[in-house]
Amino acid sequence: MGKSRTRPLRPAYSRRVSGVYGRVLVVDDNKVIRQLIKVNLELEGFEVVTAADGVECLDLVHRICPDVITLDVVMPRLDGIQTATRLREDPRTSALPVAVVSACTPFEVDAGVAAGVDAFLEKPFEPSELVRVVHRLMRKQGPHPEDPPAPARGRGAGRAGSTAG
């Protein structure tokens, strides 16, 4: 067998992609749910990167520079609440919008609010509701300095999911 050489890790994603609303990091241990969220957001013009748990999320977040993160709560290795807490503790990700997409039990909501989660979306959810939450969090994040101003769109924001605070 021949040897293969691996290249050193370097950022795989540019900061911004032309023609895309923004980059979303979707974190869920269920492959079907990850794919469902990914497809629905891609259909609305978002670039989507996925991770299977909180450890993978924390590994990817600085390389892909997402605009929004969606987190499941119950995941192996590092759950969504612990992941949100670590994101808030890191100065590089402390202002990054985070939405929990889960069963949203009272415990999960209380723990999420304490961890600094920005929005909650209860499973099962309507795809349009998911898109509204992500759009709202994108607006909260604001444009990146290198981005041109976004064209005005003729759609109302509407209220999607419950918000922390």
Protein backbone atom coordinates (compact mmCIF):
# COMPACT_ATOMS: atom_id res chain seq x y z
CA MET A 1 0.00 0.00 0.00
CA GLY A 2 1.19 3.45 -0.85
CA LYS A 3 1.45 6.17 1.72
CA SER A 4 -0.72 9.19 1.50
CA ARG A 5 0.26 12.56 2.78
CA THR A 6 -2.16 14.71 4.66
CA ARG A 7 -2.02 18.44 4.39
CA PRO A 8 -1.99 20.57 7.53
CA LEU A 9 -5.39 21.89 8.62
CA ARG A 10 -6.19 25.35 7.40
CA PRO A 11 -9.44 27.24 7.24
CA ALA A 12 -11.68 25.49 4.73
CA TYR A 13 -14.17 28.33 4.41
CA SER A 14 -13.86 31.94 3.40
CA ARG A 15 -15.36 34.52 5.70
CA ARG A 16 -18.18 35.38 3.30
CA VAL A 17 -19.70 33.76 0.23
CA SER A 18 -21.18 35.93 -2.50
CA GLY A 19 -24.92 35.51 -3.01
CA VAL A 20 -25.48 33.72 0.30
CA TYR A 21 -27.50 35.17 3.19
CA GLY A 22 -25.02 33.85 5.74
CA ARG A 23 -23.36 30.78 7.17
CA VAL A 24 -25.14 28.59 9.72
CA LEU A 25 -23.50 25.88 11.81
CA VAL A 26 -26.11 23.20 12.54
CA VAL A 27 -25.28 20.97 15.51
CA ASP A 28 -27.37 17.86 16.15
CA ASP A 29 -26.44 14.24 16.84
CA ASN A 30 -29.35 12.99 14.72
CA LYS A 31 -28.22 12.80 11.09
CA VAL A 32 -31.79 13.02 9.76
CA ILE A 33 -32.51 16.20 11.75
CA ARG A 34 -29.17 17.73 10.66
CA GLN A 35 -30.04 17.02 7.04
CA LEU A 36 -33.60 18.36 7.43
CA ILE A 37 -32.34 21.63 8.90
CA LYS A 38 -29.55 21.87 6.32
CA VAL A 39 -31.84 21.38 3.32
CA ASN A 40 -34.43 23.88 4.57
CA LEU A 41 -31.83 26.56 5.23
CA GLU A 42 -30.01 25.95 1.94
CA LEU A 43 -33.30 26.30 0.05
CA GLU A 44 -33.59 29.78 1.61
CA GLY A 45 -30.09 30.81 0.50
CA PHE A 46 -27.97 30.02 3.55
CA GLU A 47 -24.64 28.21 3.47
CA VAL A 48 -24.84 25.37 6.01
CA VAL A 49 -22.10 23.42 7.76
CA THR A 50 -23.02 20.58 10.14
CA ALA A 51 -21.56 19.05 13.28
CA ALA A 52 -22.67 15.93 15.19
CA ASP A 53 -22.08 17.22 18.73
CA GLY A 54 -20.74 20.07 20.83
CA VAL A 55 -17.12 18.93 20.63
CA GLU A 56 -17.24 19.00 16.83
CA CYS A 57 -19.00 22.39 16.96
CA LEU A 58 -16.24 23.92 19.09
CA ASP A 59 -13.64 22.42 16.75
CA LEU A 60 -15.30 23.92 13.64
CA VAL A 61 -16.56 27.28 14.87
CA HIS A 62 -13.27 29.21 14.49
CA ARG A 63 -12.48 27.64 11.11
CA ILE A 64 -15.83 28.27 9.43
CA CYS A 65 -16.83 31.53 11.15
CA PRO A 66 -20.61 30.98 11.17
CA ASP A 67 -23.10 33.82 11.50
CA VAL A 68 -25.55 31.70 13.54
CA ILE A 69 -25.38 28.36 15.36
CA THR A 70 -28.31 26.02 15.94
CA LEU A 71 -27.85 23.52 18.77
CA ASP A 72 -29.70 20.42 19.85
CA VAL A 73 -29.59 19.96 23.63
CA VAL A 74 -29.21 16.20 24.14
CA MET A 75 -26.02 15.10 22.36
CA PRO A 76 -23.09 12.81 23.18
CA ARG A 77 -19.71 14.09 24.40
CA LEU A 78 -20.83 17.71 24.93
CA ASP A 79 -24.49 18.72 25.08
CA GLY A 80 -26.00 21.88 23.63
CA ILE A 81 -26.21 23.80 26.90
CA GLN A 82 -22.55 23.12 27.74
CA THR A 83 -21.62 24.06 24.18
CA ALA A 84 -23.54 27.35 24.42
CA THR A 85 -21.82 28.10 27.73
CA ARG A 86 -18.38 27.53 26.18
CA LEU A 87 -19.26 29.67 23.17
CA ARG A 88 -20.28 32.52 25.50
CA GLU A 89 -17.07 32.17 27.55
CA ASP A 90 -14.85 32.56 24.46
CA PRO A 91 -14.41 36.24 23.52
CA ARG A 92 -14.26 35.28 19.82
CA THR A 93 -17.74 33.69 19.93
CA SER A 94 -19.40 35.41 22.87
CA ALA A 95 -21.67 37.53 20.64
CA LEU A 96 -22.42 34.81 18.10
CA PRO A 97 -26.19 34.19 17.91
CA VAL A 98 -27.21 30.74 19.18
CA ALA A 99 -30.58 29.04 18.79
CA VAL A 100 -31.56 25.85 20.59
CA VAL A 101 -33.61 23.48 18.44
CA SER A 102 -34.88 20.79 20.80
CA ALA A 103 -37.84 19.55 22.81
CA CYS A 104 -37.55 22.83 24.77
CA THR A 105 -38.57 21.44 28.14
CA PRO A 106 -38.77 24.00 30.95
CA PHE A 107 -35.40 22.73 32.21
CA GLU A 108 -33.80 23.16 28.75
CA VAL A 109 -35.20 26.67 28.36
CA ASP A 110 -34.08 27.74 31.86
CA ALA A 111 -30.61 26.23 31.35
CA GLY A 112 -30.41 27.77 27.87
CA VAL A 113 -31.31 31.23 29.12
CA ALA A 114 -28.65 30.90 31.84
CA ALA A 115 -26.12 29.82 29.17
CA GLY A 116 -26.91 32.85 27.00
CA VAL A 117 -28.97 31.19 24.25
CA ASP A 118 -30.68 33.76 22.01
CA ALA A 119 -33.69 31.78 20.71
CA PHE A 120 -35.53 28.49 21.15
CA LEU A 121 -37.34 26.43 18.54
CA GLU A 122 -39.32 23.43 19.71
CA LYS A 123 -39.13 20.10 17.87
CA PRO A 124 -41.07 19.20 15.85
CA PHE A 125 -40.93 22.54 14.05
CA GLU A 126 -42.25 24.02 10.85
CA PRO A 127 -39.44 24.69 8.33
CA SER A 128 -40.73 28.25 7.85
CA GLU A 129 -40.40 28.81 11.60
CA LEU A 130 -36.76 27.64 11.49
CA VAL A 131 -36.01 30.02 8.64
CA ARG A 132 -37.62 32.96 10.48
CA VAL A 133 -35.57 32.28 13.62
CA VAL A 134 -32.31 32.12 11.65
CA HIS A 135 -33.14 35.29 9.66
CA ARG A 136 -33.94 37.12 12.91
CA LEU A 137 -30.67 36.02 14.49
CA MET A 138 -28.76 37.05 11.36
CA ARG A 139 -30.22 40.55 11.69
CA LYS A 140 -29.21 40.58 15.37
CA GLN A 141 -25.66 39.69 14.39
CA GLY A 142 -25.58 42.56 11.88
CA PRO A 143 -23.57 42.78 8.68
CA HIS A 144 -19.88 42.01 8.60
CA PRO A 145 -17.66 45.05 7.96
CA GLU A 146 -16.56 43.70 4.55
CA ASP A 147 -20.15 43.04 3.40
CA PRO A 148 -22.00 45.41 1.08
CA PRO A 149 -25.37 46.59 2.42
CA ALA A 150 -28.09 43.97 1.94
CA PRO A 151 -30.89 44.87 -0.46
CA ALA A 152 -34.23 45.60 1.19
CA ARG A 153 -36.62 42.67 1.01
CA GLY A 154 -40.40 42.93 0.95
CA ARG A 155 -41.08 40.29 3.61
CA GLY A 156 -42.13 40.86 7.20
CA ALA A 157 -40.08 39.25 9.95
CA GLY A 158 -42.87 37.76 12.03
CA ARG A 159 -42.31 36.18 15.41
CA ALA A 160 -40.69 32.76 15.43
CA GLY A 161 -39.84 30.74 18.49
CA SER A 162 -39.45 32.13 21.95
CA THR A 163 -36.53 34.36 22.75
CA ALA A 164 -34.33 34.64 25.77
CA GLY A 165 -34.39 37.86 27.73
